[in-house]
C-alpha atoms as a PDB file:
ATOM      1  CA  UNK A   1      73.040  13.782 -19.691  1.00  0.00           C
ATOM      2  CA  UNK A   2      74.960  15.976 -17.258  1.00  0.00           C
ATOM      3  CA  UNK A   3      71.767  16.825 -15.349  1.00  0.00           C
ATOM      4  CA  UNK A   4      70.544  13.243 -15.064  1.00  0.00           C
ATOM      5  CA  UNK A   5      68.044  12.730 -12.237  1.00  0.00           C
ATOM      6  CA  UNK A   6      68.077  16.376 -11.156  1.00  0.00           C
ATOM      7  CA  UNK A   7      64.733  18.071 -10.673  1.00  0.00           C
ATOM      8  CA  UNK A   8      64.205  21.492 -12.248  1.00  0.00           C
ATOM      9  CA  UNK A   9      61.368  23.996 -11.972  1.00  0.00           C
ATOM     10  CA  UNK A  10      61.291  26.652 -14.696  1.00  0.00           C
ATOM     11  CA  UNK A  11      58.802  29.451 -14.153  1.00  0.00           C
ATOM     12  CA  UNK A  12      57.145  31.035 -17.172  1.00  0.00           C
ATOM     13  CA  UNK A  13      58.103  28.142 -19.429  1.00  0.00           C
ATOM     14  CA  UNK A  14      55.079  27.650 -21.686  1.00  0.00           C
ATOM     15  CA  UNK A  15      56.718  29.583 -24.536  1.00  0.00           C
ATOM     16  CA  UNK A  16      59.721  31.651 -25.567  1.00  0.00           C
ATOM     17  CA  UNK A  17      62.911  31.617 -23.525  1.00  0.00           C
ATOM     18  CA  UNK A  18      61.346  29.610 -20.702  1.00  0.00           C
ATOM     19  CA  UNK A  19      60.212  26.855 -23.044  1.00  0.00           C
ATOM     20  CA  UNK A  20      63.677  26.730 -24.582  1.00  0.00           C
ATOM     21  CA  UNK A  21      65.224  26.379 -21.124  1.00  0.00           C
ATOM     22  CA  UNK A  22      62.840  23.582 -20.133  1.00  0.00           C
ATOM     23  CA  UNK A  23      63.574  21.695 -23.347  1.00  0.00           C
ATOM     24  CA  UNK A  24      67.335  22.084 -22.981  1.00  0.00           C
ATOM     25  CA  UNK A  25      67.466  21.020 -19.329  1.00  0.00           C
ATOM     26  CA  UNK A  26      65.323  17.997 -20.183  1.00  0.00           C
ATOM     27  CA  UNK A  27      67.698  17.125 -23.018  1.00  0.00           C
ATOM     28  CA  UNK A  28      70.501  17.187 -20.446  1.00  0.00           C
ATOM     29  CA  UNK A  29      68.616  14.648 -18.336  1.00  0.00           C
ATOM     30  CA  UNK A  30      66.740  16.816 -15.846  1.00  0.00           C
ATOM     31  CA  UNK A  31      63.190  16.025 -14.801  1.00  0.00           C
ATOM     32  CA  UNK A  32      61.471  19.321 -15.461  1.00  0.00           C
ATOM     33  CA  UNK A  33      58.393  21.048 -14.136  1.00  0.00           C
ATOM     34  CA  UNK A  34      56.929  23.469 -16.672  1.00  0.00           C
ATOM     35  CA  UNK A  35      55.010  26.443 -15.306  1.00  0.00           C
ATOM     36  CA  UNK A  36      52.546  28.874 -16.848  1.00  0.00           C
ATOM     37  CA  UNK A  37      50.248  31.581 -15.529  1.00  0.00           C
ATOM     38  CA  UNK A  38      47.330  30.857 -17.879  1.00  0.00           C
ATOM     39  CA  UNK A  39      48.765  29.325 -21.069  1.00  0.00           C
ATOM     40  CA  UNK A  40      47.875  25.728 -20.262  1.00  0.00           C
ATOM     41  CA  UNK A  41      47.911  24.670 -23.920  1.00  0.00           C
ATOM     42  CA  UNK A  42      51.429  25.997 -24.369  1.00  0.00           C
ATOM     43  CA  UNK A  43      52.667  24.364 -21.174  1.00  0.00           C
ATOM     44  CA  UNK A  44      51.164  21.033 -22.160  1.00  0.00           C
ATOM     45  CA  UNK A  45      52.722  21.272 -25.628  1.00  0.00           C
ATOM     46  CA  UNK A  46      56.174  21.865 -24.132  1.00  0.00           C
ATOM     47  CA  UNK A  47      55.650  19.017 -21.687  1.00  0.00           C
ATOM     48  CA  UNK A  48      54.450  16.606 -24.357  1.00  0.00           C
ATOM     49  CA  UNK A  49      57.399  17.455 -26.571  1.00  0.00           C
ATOM     50  CA  UNK A  50      59.777  16.608 -23.738  1.00  0.00           C
ATOM     51  CA  UNK A  51      57.982  13.352 -23.053  1.00  0.00           C
ATOM     52  CA  UNK A  52      57.997  12.435 -26.732  1.00  0.00           C
ATOM     53  CA  UNK A  53      61.773  12.836 -26.616  1.00  0.00           C
ATOM     54  CA  UNK A  54      62.031  10.389 -23.739  1.00  0.00           C
ATOM     55  CA  UNK A  55      62.178  12.979 -20.958  1.00  0.00           C
ATOM     56  CA  UNK A  56      60.143  13.518 -17.815  1.00  0.00           C
ATOM     57  CA  UNK A  57      57.987  16.625 -17.459  1.00  0.00           C
ATOM     58  CA  UNK A  58      55.019  17.913 -15.478  1.00  0.00           C
ATOM     59  CA  UNK A  59      52.905  21.076 -15.604  1.00  0.00           C
ATOM     60  CA  UNK A  60      52.020  23.481 -12.795  1.00  0.00           C
ATOM     61  CA  UNK A  61      49.857  26.580 -13.157  1.00  0.00           C
ATOM     62  CA  UNK A  62      49.684  29.754 -11.108  1.00  0.00           C
ATOM     63  CA  UNK A  63      49.893  33.542 -11.161  1.00  0.00           C
ATOM     64  CA  UNK A  64      53.159  34.404  -9.417  1.00  0.00           C
ATOM     65  CA  UNK A  65      52.093  38.012  -8.898  1.00  0.00           C
ATOM     66  CA  UNK A  66      49.253  36.935  -6.607  1.00  0.00           C
ATOM     67  CA  UNK A  67      49.637  36.344  -2.866  1.00  0.00           C
ATOM     68  CA  UNK A  68      51.858  33.433  -1.889  1.00  0.00           C
ATOM     69  CA  UNK A  69      51.549  31.642  -5.237  1.00  0.00           C
ATOM     70  CA  UNK A  70      55.346  31.717  -5.722  1.00  0.00           C
ATOM     71  CA  UNK A  71      55.848  29.870  -2.439  1.00  0.00           C
ATOM     72  CA  UNK A  72      53.101  27.380  -3.214  1.00  0.00           C
ATOM     73  CA  UNK A  73      54.486  26.704  -6.687  1.00  0.00           C
ATOM     74  CA  UNK A  74      57.885  25.733  -5.306  1.00  0.00           C
ATOM     75  CA  UNK A  75      56.229  23.557  -2.680  1.00  0.00           C
ATOM     76  CA  UNK A  76      54.101  21.791  -5.297  1.00  0.00           C
ATOM     77  CA  UNK A  77      57.122  21.238  -7.523  1.00  0.00           C
ATOM     78  CA  UNK A  78      59.019  19.724  -4.602  1.00  0.00           C
ATOM     79  CA  UNK A  79      56.167  17.314  -3.870  1.00  0.00           C
ATOM     80  CA  UNK A  80      56.121  15.888  -7.415  1.00  0.00           C
ATOM     81  CA  UNK A  81      59.475  14.094  -7.075  1.00  0.00           C
ATOM     82  CA  UNK A  82      60.187  14.655  -3.395  1.00  0.00           C
ATOM     83  CA  UNK A  83      63.163  16.829  -4.285  1.00  0.00           C
ATOM     84  CA  UNK A  84      64.152  19.975  -6.129  1.00  0.00           C
ATOM     85  CA  UNK A  85      67.649  20.756  -7.394  1.00  0.00           C
ATOM     86  CA  UNK A  86      67.295  23.594  -9.900  1.00  0.00           C
ATOM     87  CA  UNK A  87      65.100  26.688  -9.830  1.00  0.00           C
ATOM     88  CA  UNK A  88      65.023  28.862 -12.951  1.00  0.00           C
ATOM     89  CA  UNK A  89      63.170  32.122 -12.330  1.00  0.00           C
ATOM     90  CA  UNK A  90      62.191  33.073 -15.857  1.00  0.00           C
ATOM     91  CA  UNK A  91      58.653  34.445 -15.441  1.00  0.00           C
ATOM     92  CA  UNK A  92      58.511  38.198 -15.793  1.00  0.00           C
ATOM     93  CA  UNK A  93      56.991  41.052 -17.728  1.00  0.00           C
ATOM     94  CA  UNK A  94      54.576  43.901 -17.235  1.00  0.00           C
ATOM     95  CA  UNK A  95      53.461  46.982 -19.077  1.00  0.00           C
ATOM     96  CA  UNK A  96      55.978  49.703 -19.837  1.00  0.00           C
ATOM     97  CA  UNK A  97      55.472  53.418 -19.730  1.00  0.00           C
ATOM     98  CA  UNK A  98      57.021  56.544 -18.280  1.00  0.00           C
ATOM     99  CA  UNK A  99      57.609  56.594 -14.545  1.00  0.00           C
ATOM    100  CA  UNK A 100      55.675  59.839 -14.146  1.00  0.00           C
ATOM    101  CA  UNK A 101      52.580  58.105 -15.522  1.00  0.00           C
ATOM    102  CA  UNK A 102      52.816  54.991 -13.349  1.00  0.00           C
ATOM    103  CA  UNK A 103      50.089  54.440 -10.766  1.00  0.00           C
ATOM    104  CA  UNK A 104      50.627  52.733  -7.441  1.00  0.00           C
ATOM    105  CA  UNK A 105      48.711  49.668  -8.602  1.00  0.00           C
ATOM    106  CA  UNK A 106      50.751  49.429 -11.812  1.00  0.00           C
ATOM    107  CA  UNK A 107      54.005  49.682  -9.862  1.00  0.00           C
ATOM    108  CA  UNK A 108      52.855  47.028  -7.391  1.00  0.00           C
ATOM    109  CA  UNK A 109      51.949  44.641 -10.234  1.00  0.00           C
ATOM    110  CA  UNK A 110      55.370  44.937 -11.877  1.00  0.00           C
ATOM    111  CA  UNK A 111      57.252  44.555  -8.595  1.00  0.00           C
ATOM    112  CA  UNK A 112      55.080  41.616  -7.528  1.00  0.00           C
ATOM    113  CA  UNK A 113      55.983  39.568 -10.580  1.00  0.00           C
ATOM    114  CA  UNK A 114      59.550  40.667 -11.238  1.00  0.00           C
ATOM    115  CA  UNK A 115      60.883  41.129  -7.682  1.00  0.00           C
ATOM    116  CA  UNK A 116      58.577  39.863  -4.946  1.00  0.00           C
ATOM    117  CA  UNK A 117      57.971  36.502  -6.642  1.00  0.00           C
ATOM    118  CA  UNK A 118      61.706  36.068  -7.137  1.00  0.00           C
ATOM    119  CA  UNK A 119      62.358  36.588  -3.433  1.00  0.00           C
ATOM    120  CA  UNK A 120      59.529  34.296  -2.344  1.00  0.00           C
ATOM    121  CA  UNK A 121      60.299  31.449  -4.751  1.00  0.00           C
ATOM    122  CA  UNK A 122      64.062  31.447  -4.220  1.00  0.00           C
ATOM    123  CA  UNK A 123      63.699  31.634  -0.443  1.00  0.00           C
ATOM    124  CA  UNK A 124      61.262  28.719  -0.402  1.00  0.00           C
ATOM    125  CA  UNK A 125      63.593  26.734  -2.671  1.00  0.00           C
ATOM    126  CA  UNK A 126      66.412  27.350  -0.200  1.00  0.00           C
ATOM    127  CA  UNK A 127      64.243  26.135   2.671  1.00  0.00           C
ATOM    128  CA  UNK A 128      63.125  22.963   0.897  1.00  0.00           C
ATOM    129  CA  UNK A 129      66.055  21.724  -1.167  1.00  0.00           C
ATOM    130  CA  UNK A 130      68.375  19.113   0.246  1.00  0.00           C
ATOM    131  CA  UNK A 131      70.609  19.202  -2.797  1.00  0.00           C
ATOM    132  CA  UNK A 132      74.285  20.004  -2.305  1.00  0.00           C
ATOM    133  CA  UNK A 133      74.401  20.907  -6.006  1.00  0.00           C
ATOM    134  CA  UNK A 134      71.464  23.286  -5.900  1.00  0.00           C
ATOM    135  CA  UNK A 135      71.114  25.974  -8.528  1.00  0.00           C
ATOM    136  CA  UNK A 136      69.087  29.196  -8.508  1.00  0.00           C
ATOM    137  CA  UNK A 137      69.133  30.989 -11.861  1.00  0.00           C
ATOM    138  CA  UNK A 138      67.320  34.274 -12.367  1.00  0.00           C
ATOM    139  CA  UNK A 139      66.515  35.442 -15.889  1.00  0.00           C
ATOM    140  CA  UNK A 140      67.066  39.175 -15.737  1.00  0.00           C
ATOM    141  CA  UNK A 141      67.268  41.705 -18.571  1.00  0.00           C
ATOM    142  CA  UNK A 142      69.721  44.145 -20.044  1.00  0.00           C
ATOM    143  CA  UNK A 143      67.446  46.918 -18.783  1.00  0.00           C
ATOM    144  CA  UNK A 144      68.681  46.212 -15.234  1.00  0.00           C
ATOM    145  CA  UNK A 145      71.997  47.908 -16.034  1.00  0.00           C
ATOM    146  CA  UNK A 146      71.442  49.837 -19.280  1.00  0.00           C
ATOM    147  CA  UNK A 147      68.961  52.726 -18.972  1.00  0.00           C
ATOM    148  CA  UNK A 148      66.180  53.203 -21.479  1.00  0.00           C
ATOM    149  CA  UNK A 149      63.004  55.288 -21.494  1.00  0.00           C
ATOM    150  CA  UNK A 150      59.725  53.613 -20.694  1.00  0.00           C
ATOM    151  CA  UNK A 151      61.054  50.718 -18.623  1.00  0.00           C
ATOM    152  CA  UNK A 152      62.000  52.392 -15.340  1.00  0.00           C
ATOM    153  CA  UNK A 153      59.772  50.303 -13.065  1.00  0.00           C
ATOM    154  CA  UNK A 154      60.604  46.961 -14.680  1.00  0.00           C
ATOM    155  CA  UNK A 155      64.303  47.880 -14.736  1.00  0.00           C
ATOM    156  CA  UNK A 156      64.198  48.640 -11.018  1.00  0.00           C
ATOM    157  CA  UNK A 157      62.532  45.290 -10.342  1.00  0.00           C
ATOM    158  CA  UNK A 158      65.069  43.353 -12.397  1.00  0.00           C
ATOM    159  CA  UNK A 159      67.985  45.181 -10.793  1.00  0.00           C
ATOM    160  CA  UNK A 160      66.515  44.480  -7.371  1.00  0.00           C
ATOM    161  CA  UNK A 161      66.221  40.786  -8.147  1.00  0.00           C
ATOM    162  CA  UNK A 162      69.820  40.677  -9.357  1.00  0.00           C
ATOM    163  CA  UNK A 163      70.921  42.250  -6.060  1.00  0.00           C
ATOM    164  CA  UNK A 164      68.845  39.713  -4.126  1.00  0.00           C
ATOM    165  CA  UNK A 165      70.387  36.815  -6.055  1.00  0.00           C
ATOM    166  CA  UNK A 166      73.908  38.113  -5.347  1.00  0.00           C
ATOM    167  CA  UNK A 167      73.163  38.285  -1.626  1.00  0.00           C
ATOM    168  CA  UNK A 168      71.454  34.892  -1.619  1.00  0.00           C
ATOM    169  CA  UNK A 169      74.600  33.416  -3.168  1.00  0.00           C
ATOM    170  CA  UNK A 170      76.515  34.510  -0.084  1.00  0.00           C
ATOM    171  CA  UNK A 171      73.932  32.987   2.232  1.00  0.00           C
ATOM    172  CA  UNK A 172      73.726  29.612   0.471  1.00  0.00           C
ATOM    173  CA  UNK A 173      77.311  29.090  -0.643  1.00  0.00           C
ATOM    174  CA  UNK A 174      78.240  26.984   2.372  1.00  0.00           C
ATOM    175  CA  UNK A 175      75.564  24.485   1.303  1.00  0.00           C
ATOM    176  CA  UNK A 176      77.044  24.124  -2.196  1.00  0.00           C
ATOM    177  CA  UNK A 177      74.140  26.038  -3.761  1.00  0.00           C
ATOM    178  CA  UNK A 178      75.004  28.580  -6.444  1.00  0.00           C
ATOM    179  CA  UNK A 179      72.851  31.575  -7.344  1.00  0.00           C
ATOM    180  CA  UNK A 180      73.372  33.453 -10.603  1.00  0.00           C
ATOM    181  CA  UNK A 181      71.540  35.643 -13.097  1.00  0.00           C
ATOM    182  CA  UNK A 182      71.432  35.714 -16.885  1.00  0.00           C
ATOM    183  CA  UNK A 183      70.601  38.994 -18.621  1.00  0.00           C
ATOM    184  CA  UNK A 184      69.371  38.389 -22.183  1.00  0.00           C
ATOM    185  CA  UNK A 185      69.489  41.065 -24.821  1.00  0.00           C
ATOM    186  CA  UNK A 186      66.812  41.293 -27.498  1.00  0.00           C
ATOM    187  CA  UNK A 187      65.696  37.705 -28.106  1.00  0.00           C
ATOM    188  CA  UNK A 188      63.385  36.428 -30.832  1.00  0.00           C
ATOM    189  CA  UNK A 189      60.234  35.187 -29.078  1.00  0.00           C
ATOM    190  CA  UNK A 190      56.493  35.268 -29.606  1.00  0.00           C
ATOM    191  CA  UNK A 191      56.399  38.495 -27.579  1.00  0.00           C
ATOM    192  CA  UNK A 192      58.130  40.517 -30.295  1.00  0.00           C
ATOM    193  CA  UNK A 193      56.808  38.632 -33.324  1.00  0.00           C
ATOM    194  CA  UNK A 194      55.352  40.920 -35.952  1.00  0.00           C
ATOM    195  CA  UNK A 195      56.976  44.075 -34.599  1.00  0.00           C
ATOM    196  CA  UNK A 196      59.386  46.089 -36.707  1.00  0.00           C
ATOM    197  CA  UNK A 197      61.739  47.491 -34.062  1.00  0.00           C
ATOM    198  CA  UNK A 198      63.688  44.239 -33.448  1.00  0.00           C
ATOM    199  CA  UNK A 199      65.034  44.521 -37.001  1.00  0.00           C
ATOM    200  CA  UNK A 200      67.003  47.571 -35.850  1.00  0.00           C
ATOM    201  CA  UNK A 201      68.900  45.632 -33.183  1.00  0.00           C
ATOM    202  CA  UNK A 202      71.258  43.270 -35.101  1.00  0.00           C
ATOM    203  CA  UNK A 203      73.573  46.037 -36.414  1.00  0.00           C
ATOM    204  CA  UNK A 204      74.233  47.075 -32.811  1.00  0.00           C
ATOM    205  CA  UNK A 205      75.462  43.643 -31.737  1.00  0.00           C
ATOM    206  CA  UNK A 206      78.926  42.245 -32.273  1.00  0.00           C
ATOM    207  CA  UNK A 207      77.442  39.040 -33.675  1.00  0.00           C
ATOM    208  CA  UNK A 208      75.013  40.826 -35.976  1.00  0.00           C
ATOM    209  CA  UNK A 209      71.752  39.085 -35.073  1.00  0.00           C
ATOM    210  CA  UNK A 210      68.969  38.782 -32.539  1.00  0.00           C
ATOM    211  CA  UNK A 211      69.251  36.232 -29.784  1.00  0.00           C
ATOM    212  CA  UNK A 212      67.302  32.999 -29.998  1.00  0.00           C
ATOM    213  CA  UNK A 213      65.739  31.159 -27.042  1.00  0.00           C
ATOM    214  CA  UNK A 214      68.277  28.385 -27.484  1.00  0.00           C
ATOM    215  CA  UNK A 215      71.114  30.880 -26.979  1.00  0.00           C
ATOM    216  CA  UNK A 216      69.801  31.712 -23.535  1.00  0.00           C
ATOM    217  CA  UNK A 217      68.878  28.097 -22.772  1.00  0.00           C
ATOM    218  CA  UNK A 218      72.432  26.915 -23.426  1.00  0.00           C
ATOM    219  CA  UNK A 219      73.823  29.452 -20.952  1.00  0.00           C
ATOM    220  CA  UNK A 220      71.283  28.429 -18.326  1.00  0.00           C
ATOM    221  CA  UNK A 221      72.138  24.761 -18.898  1.00  0.00           C
ATOM    222  CA  UNK A 222      75.801  25.590 -18.262  1.00  0.00           C
ATOM    223  CA  UNK A 223      74.973  27.394 -15.010  1.00  0.00           C
ATOM    224  CA  UNK A 224      72.794  24.475 -13.923  1.00  0.00           C
ATOM    225  CA  UNK A 225      75.594  21.976 -14.485  1.00  0.00           C
ATOM    226  CA  UNK A 226      78.639  20.991 -12.460  1.00  0.00           C
ATOM    227  CA  UNK A 227      80.781  22.847 -15.005  1.00  0.00           C
ATOM    228  CA  UNK A 228      79.615  26.117 -13.398  1.00  0.00           C
ATOM    229  CA  UNK A 229      80.265  25.002  -9.826  1.00  0.00           C
ATOM    230  CA  UNK A 230      82.765  27.862  -9.263  1.00  0.00           C
ATOM    231  CA  UNK A 231      80.401  30.594 -10.457  1.00  0.00           C
ATOM    232  CA  UNK A 232      78.026  32.195  -7.999  1.00  0.00           C
ATOM    233  CA  UNK A 233      76.672  35.668  -7.371  1.00  0.00           C
ATOM    234  CA  UNK A 234      77.283  36.824 -10.941  1.00  0.00           C
ATOM    235  CA  UNK A 235      75.185  38.092 -13.838  1.00  0.00           C
ATOM    236  CA  UNK A 236      76.074  36.826 -17.304  1.00  0.00           C
ATOM    237  CA  UNK A 237      75.124  39.283 -20.091  1.00  0.00           C
ATOM    238  CA  UNK A 238      73.693  37.176 -22.916  1.00  0.00           C
ATOM    239  CA  UNK A 239      73.315  39.849 -25.579  1.00  0.00           C
ATOM    240  CA  UNK A 240      75.614  38.986 -28.464  1.00  0.00           C
ATOM    241  CA  UNK A 241      77.925  41.885 -27.690  1.00  0.00           C
ATOM    242  CA  UNK A 242      75.269  44.589 -27.688  1.00  0.00           C
ATOM    243  CA  UNK A 243      76.680  48.103 -27.922  1.00  0.00           C
ATOM    244  CA  UNK A 244      75.458  50.058 -24.931  1.00  0.00           C
ATOM    245  CA  UNK A 245      77.490  53.239 -24.707  1.00  0.00           C
ATOM    246  CA  UNK A 246      77.359  56.421 -26.749  1.00  0.00           C
ATOM    247  CA  UNK A 247      81.088  56.161 -27.471  1.00  0.00           C
ATOM    248  CA  UNK A 248      80.724  52.692 -28.927  1.00  0.00           C
ATOM    249  CA  UNK A 249      77.670  53.665 -30.948  1.00  0.00           C
ATOM    250  CA  UNK A 250      79.589  56.622 -32.420  1.00  0.00           C
ATOM    251  CA  UNK A 251      82.579  54.390 -33.165  1.00  0.00           C
ATOM    252  CA  UNK A 252      80.395  51.851 -34.963  1.00  0.00           C
ATOM    253  CA  UNK A 253      78.632  54.594 -36.940  1.00  0.00           C
ATOM    254  CA  UNK A 254      81.920  56.038 -38.158  1.00  0.00           C
END
């Protein structure tokens, strides 16, 4: 129960990695606030599961890509218990496609969810929290550092958020608040269920498998705990040793 009595908001936590994070932090004793854009049934299922296990959980809804919803969400989460110690920025996504085909509206939508909401939510958390063990944890993606076709806009947004988190770590360090990112590799979630391409990934990882939500959740739980008190402004690649360079791919093939 290393997170006993700490209050955690996890955005985008009605399923997949976010749900796994909410469940793990609750198991460590945190009082969690589960968030979803429109999947109320999923959010309530995650919340009920936590409560059935003896934990404390609430649900908040809102579209982080719209207006000041990210600010309002953090404010609402703070009101529930009168405090907020941990902010996990997991919500993200957006349609892929080549950069030359992207419209202004499509670019704005991706940046709003994956970059603007990160800035707004983390900044509001910093304004509201009184915790001297505060934690901001951004769930990034391998695409932020490893180029791939069809993800240019989302990759730019994730990379921008990582840069913001690194700078925020410098601004909040004197208050004992750490700010870090986790960059998952290919992880088995509902989003990729039924698709064939994930089966091609395991041979290109050192550990020979896809990630699972619990793999990412365990890393986030570490960063949220006192054990990670000396880590701030870093990005942890959670990808099972994914090969990312042509030289390594050639070496593995031969």
